[in-house]
Amino acid sequence: MMHCIPETPEGLNAPIDENGLRISRRRQQLGIVGDGPMPETLEAQVAKLGLAPRTRFAGNQADVVPWLQALDVFALPSYANEGVPQALVQAMLVGLPCITTTAGSISELASH
């Protein structure tokens, strides 16, 4: 199953805010795998939401399959133009429900 969420003016922070609120209510864990262009901003946002004790920043991983298999849902908060993200393809192949935006060519993979 694939779901798209519309792009927002808040960009990268919007999905984290929404997930952060859900995580704080449900006592879930947040795992962030990979290294993006703004790690300090992301870490500050997690701290601001009070999620630091339940968040793991795993960084780049040579083998992402075990990480994907440990997830209940995959979120890709892309906000810039990009091609077909391999992370999204990998999450779909593992069978994860995915939440993403319509940036770039993502809509070619995702349906509403």
C-alpha atoms as a PDB file:
ATOM      1  CA  MET A   1       0.000   0.000   0.000  1.00  0.00           C
ATOM      2  CA  MET A   2       1.360   3.434  -0.906  1.00  0.00           C
ATOM      3  CA  HIS A   3       0.026   6.780   0.217  1.00  0.00           C
ATOM      4  CA  CYS A   4       1.084  10.264  -0.787  1.00  0.00           C
ATOM      5  CA  ILE A   5       0.841  13.357   1.321  1.00  0.00           C
ATOM      6  CA  PRO A   6       0.901  16.740  -0.390  1.00  0.00           C
ATOM      7  CA  GLU A   7       3.985  18.889  -0.211  1.00  0.00           C
ATOM      8  CA  THR A   8       3.796  21.557   2.458  1.00  0.00           C
ATOM      9  CA  PRO A   9       5.469  24.944   2.794  1.00  0.00           C
ATOM     10  CA  GLU A  10       7.186  23.615   5.914  1.00  0.00           C
ATOM     11  CA  GLY A  11       9.011  21.048   3.780  1.00  0.00           C
ATOM     12  CA  LEU A  12      11.172  18.651   5.759  1.00  0.00           C
ATOM     13  CA  ASN A  13       9.793  19.628   9.176  1.00  0.00           C
ATOM     14  CA  ALA A  14       6.130  18.881   8.449  1.00  0.00           C
ATOM     15  CA  PRO A  15       6.273  15.047   8.407  1.00  0.00           C
ATOM     16  CA  ILE A  16       8.466  15.002  11.494  1.00  0.00           C
ATOM     17  CA  ASP A  17       6.052  17.252  13.373  1.00  0.00           C
ATOM     18  CA  GLU A  18       3.107  15.026  12.450  1.00  0.00           C
ATOM     19  CA  ASN A  19       4.984  11.817  13.224  1.00  0.00           C
ATOM     20  CA  GLY A  20       6.403  13.330  16.385  1.00  0.00           C
ATOM     21  CA  LEU A  21       2.970  14.050  17.742  1.00  0.00           C
ATOM     22  CA  ARG A  22       1.805  10.535  16.946  1.00  0.00           C
ATOM     23  CA  ILE A  23       4.939   8.981  18.387  1.00  0.00           C
ATOM     24  CA  SER A  24       4.680  10.939  21.623  1.00  0.00           C
ATOM     25  CA  ARG A  25       1.102   9.741  22.146  1.00  0.00           C
ATOM     26  CA  ARG A  26       1.704   6.110  21.270  1.00  0.00           C
ATOM     27  CA  ARG A  27       5.127   5.596  22.834  1.00  0.00           C
ATOM     28  CA  GLN A  28       6.590   4.419  19.544  1.00  0.00           C
ATOM     29  CA  GLN A  29      10.205   4.616  18.444  1.00  0.00           C
ATOM     30  CA  LEU A  30      11.482   6.734  15.572  1.00  0.00           C
ATOM     31  CA  GLY A  31      14.351   5.439  13.461  1.00  0.00           C
ATOM     32  CA  ILE A  32      16.103   7.673  10.948  1.00  0.00           C
ATOM     33  CA  VAL A  33      18.388   5.789   8.577  1.00  0.00           C
ATOM     34  CA  GLY A  34      20.687   7.610   6.167  1.00  0.00           C
ATOM     35  CA  ASP A  35      22.463  10.922   6.159  1.00  0.00           C
ATOM     36  CA  GLY A  36      20.620  13.869   4.676  1.00  0.00           C
ATOM     37  CA  PRO A  37      21.794  17.394   3.975  1.00  0.00           C
ATOM     38  CA  MET A  38      20.609  18.872   7.309  1.00  0.00           C
ATOM     39  CA  PRO A  39      21.431  16.473  10.176  1.00  0.00           C
ATOM     40  CA  GLU A  40      21.786  19.216  12.794  1.00  0.00           C
ATOM     41  CA  THR A  41      18.391  20.682  11.880  1.00  0.00           C
ATOM     42  CA  LEU A  42      16.780  17.265  12.074  1.00  0.00           C
ATOM     43  CA  GLU A  43      18.373  16.480  15.435  1.00  0.00           C
ATOM     44  CA  ALA A  44      17.248  19.869  16.791  1.00  0.00           C
ATOM     45  CA  GLN A  45      13.669  19.231  15.609  1.00  0.00           C
ATOM     46  CA  VAL A  46      13.628  15.825  17.308  1.00  0.00           C
ATOM     47  CA  ALA A  47      14.955  17.384  20.530  1.00  0.00           C
ATOM     48  CA  LYS A  48      12.416  20.224  20.371  1.00  0.00           C
ATOM     49  CA  LEU A  49       9.580  17.686  20.122  1.00  0.00           C
ATOM     50  CA  GLY A  50      10.959  15.760  23.114  1.00  0.00           C
ATOM     51  CA  LEU A  51      11.574  12.656  21.015  1.00  0.00           C
ATOM     52  CA  ALA A  52      15.346  12.354  21.476  1.00  0.00           C
ATOM     53  CA  PRO A  53      15.133   9.502  24.040  1.00  0.00           C
ATOM     54  CA  ARG A  54      13.057   7.451  21.590  1.00  0.00           C
ATOM     55  CA  THR A  55      14.869   8.361  18.371  1.00  0.00           C
ATOM     56  CA  ARG A  56      17.801   6.576  16.805  1.00  0.00           C
ATOM     57  CA  PHE A  57      19.869   8.241  14.098  1.00  0.00           C
ATOM     58  CA  ALA A  58      21.438   5.246  12.379  1.00  0.00           C
ATOM     59  CA  GLY A  59      23.317   7.119   9.648  1.00  0.00           C
ATOM     60  CA  ASN A  60      24.222   5.468   6.358  1.00  0.00           C
ATOM     61  CA  GLN A  61      23.856   1.707   6.334  1.00  0.00           C
ATOM     62  CA  ALA A  62      25.432  -0.662   3.795  1.00  0.00           C
ATOM     63  CA  ASP A  63      22.528  -3.106   4.222  1.00  0.00           C
ATOM     64  CA  VAL A  64      19.188  -1.393   4.774  1.00  0.00           C
ATOM     65  CA  VAL A  65      17.012  -4.502   4.548  1.00  0.00           C
ATOM     66  CA  PRO A  66      17.217  -5.378   8.283  1.00  0.00           C
ATOM     67  CA  TRP A  67      16.338  -1.768   9.132  1.00  0.00           C
ATOM     68  CA  LEU A  68      13.379  -1.777   6.761  1.00  0.00           C
ATOM     69  CA  GLN A  69      12.154  -5.110   8.105  1.00  0.00           C
ATOM     70  CA  ALA A  70      12.144  -3.656  11.625  1.00  0.00           C
ATOM     71  CA  LEU A  71       9.826  -0.785  10.623  1.00  0.00           C
ATOM     72  CA  ASP A  72       6.051  -0.629  10.812  1.00  0.00           C
ATOM     73  CA  VAL A  73       5.825   2.232   8.311  1.00  0.00           C
ATOM     74  CA  PHE A  74       8.259   4.032   5.997  1.00  0.00           C
ATOM     75  CA  ALA A  75       8.193   7.812   5.573  1.00  0.00           C
ATOM     76  CA  LEU A  76      10.083   9.711   2.889  1.00  0.00           C
ATOM     77  CA  PRO A  77       9.552  13.470   3.398  1.00  0.00           C
ATOM     78  CA  SER A  78      11.000  14.580   0.061  1.00  0.00           C
ATOM     79  CA  TYR A  79      10.389  18.199  -0.737  1.00  0.00           C
ATOM     80  CA  ALA A  80      12.772  18.839  -3.633  1.00  0.00           C
ATOM     81  CA  ASN A  81      12.768  17.615  -7.188  1.00  0.00           C
ATOM     82  CA  GLU A  82      14.268  14.170  -7.349  1.00  0.00           C
ATOM     83  CA  GLY A  83      14.076  11.139  -9.584  1.00  0.00           C
ATOM     84  CA  VAL A  84      12.814   7.808  -8.334  1.00  0.00           C
ATOM     85  CA  PRO A  85      14.217   7.450  -4.797  1.00  0.00           C
ATOM     86  CA  GLN A  86      15.853   4.065  -4.249  1.00  0.00           C
ATOM     87  CA  ALA A  87      14.936   4.164  -0.556  1.00  0.00           C
ATOM     88  CA  LEU A  88      11.261   4.267  -1.502  1.00  0.00           C
ATOM     89  CA  VAL A  89      11.672   1.409  -3.973  1.00  0.00           C
ATOM     90  CA  GLN A  90      13.452  -0.667  -1.310  1.00  0.00           C
ATOM     91  CA  ALA A  91      10.721   0.009   1.257  1.00  0.00           C
ATOM     92  CA  MET A  92       8.056  -1.006  -1.243  1.00  0.00           C
ATOM     93  CA  LEU A  93       9.918  -4.228  -2.083  1.00  0.00           C
ATOM     94  CA  VAL A  94      10.009  -5.130   1.615  1.00  0.00           C
ATOM     95  CA  GLY A  95       6.228  -4.601   1.687  1.00  0.00           C
ATOM     96  CA  LEU A  96       6.111  -1.582   3.994  1.00  0.00           C
ATOM     97  CA  PRO A  97       3.242   0.899   3.962  1.00  0.00           C
ATOM     98  CA  CYS A  98       4.844   4.122   2.732  1.00  0.00           C
ATOM     99  CA  ILE A  99       4.069   7.770   3.332  1.00  0.00           C
ATOM    100  CA  THR A 100       5.678  10.254   0.982  1.00  0.00           C
ATOM    101  CA  THR A 101       5.154  13.388  -1.074  1.00  0.00           C
ATOM    102  CA  THR A 102       4.639  13.931  -4.791  1.00  0.00           C
ATOM    103  CA  ALA A 103       8.064  15.543  -5.310  1.00  0.00           C
ATOM    104  CA  GLY A 104       9.923  14.654  -8.481  1.00  0.00           C
ATOM    105  CA  SER A 105       9.002  11.274  -9.932  1.00  0.00           C
ATOM    106  CA  ILE A 106       7.651   9.831  -6.700  1.00  0.00           C
ATOM    107  CA  SER A 107       4.096  10.028  -8.034  1.00  0.00           C
ATOM    108  CA  GLU A 108       5.077   7.511 -10.719  1.00  0.00           C
ATOM    109  CA  LEU A 109       5.475   4.943  -7.907  1.00  0.00           C
ATOM    110  CA  ALA A 110       2.881   6.173  -5.462  1.00  0.00           C
ATOM    111  CA  SER A 111      -0.881   6.466  -5.651  1.00  0.00           C
ATOM    112  CA  HIS A 112      -3.279   8.332  -3.392  1.00  0.00           C
END
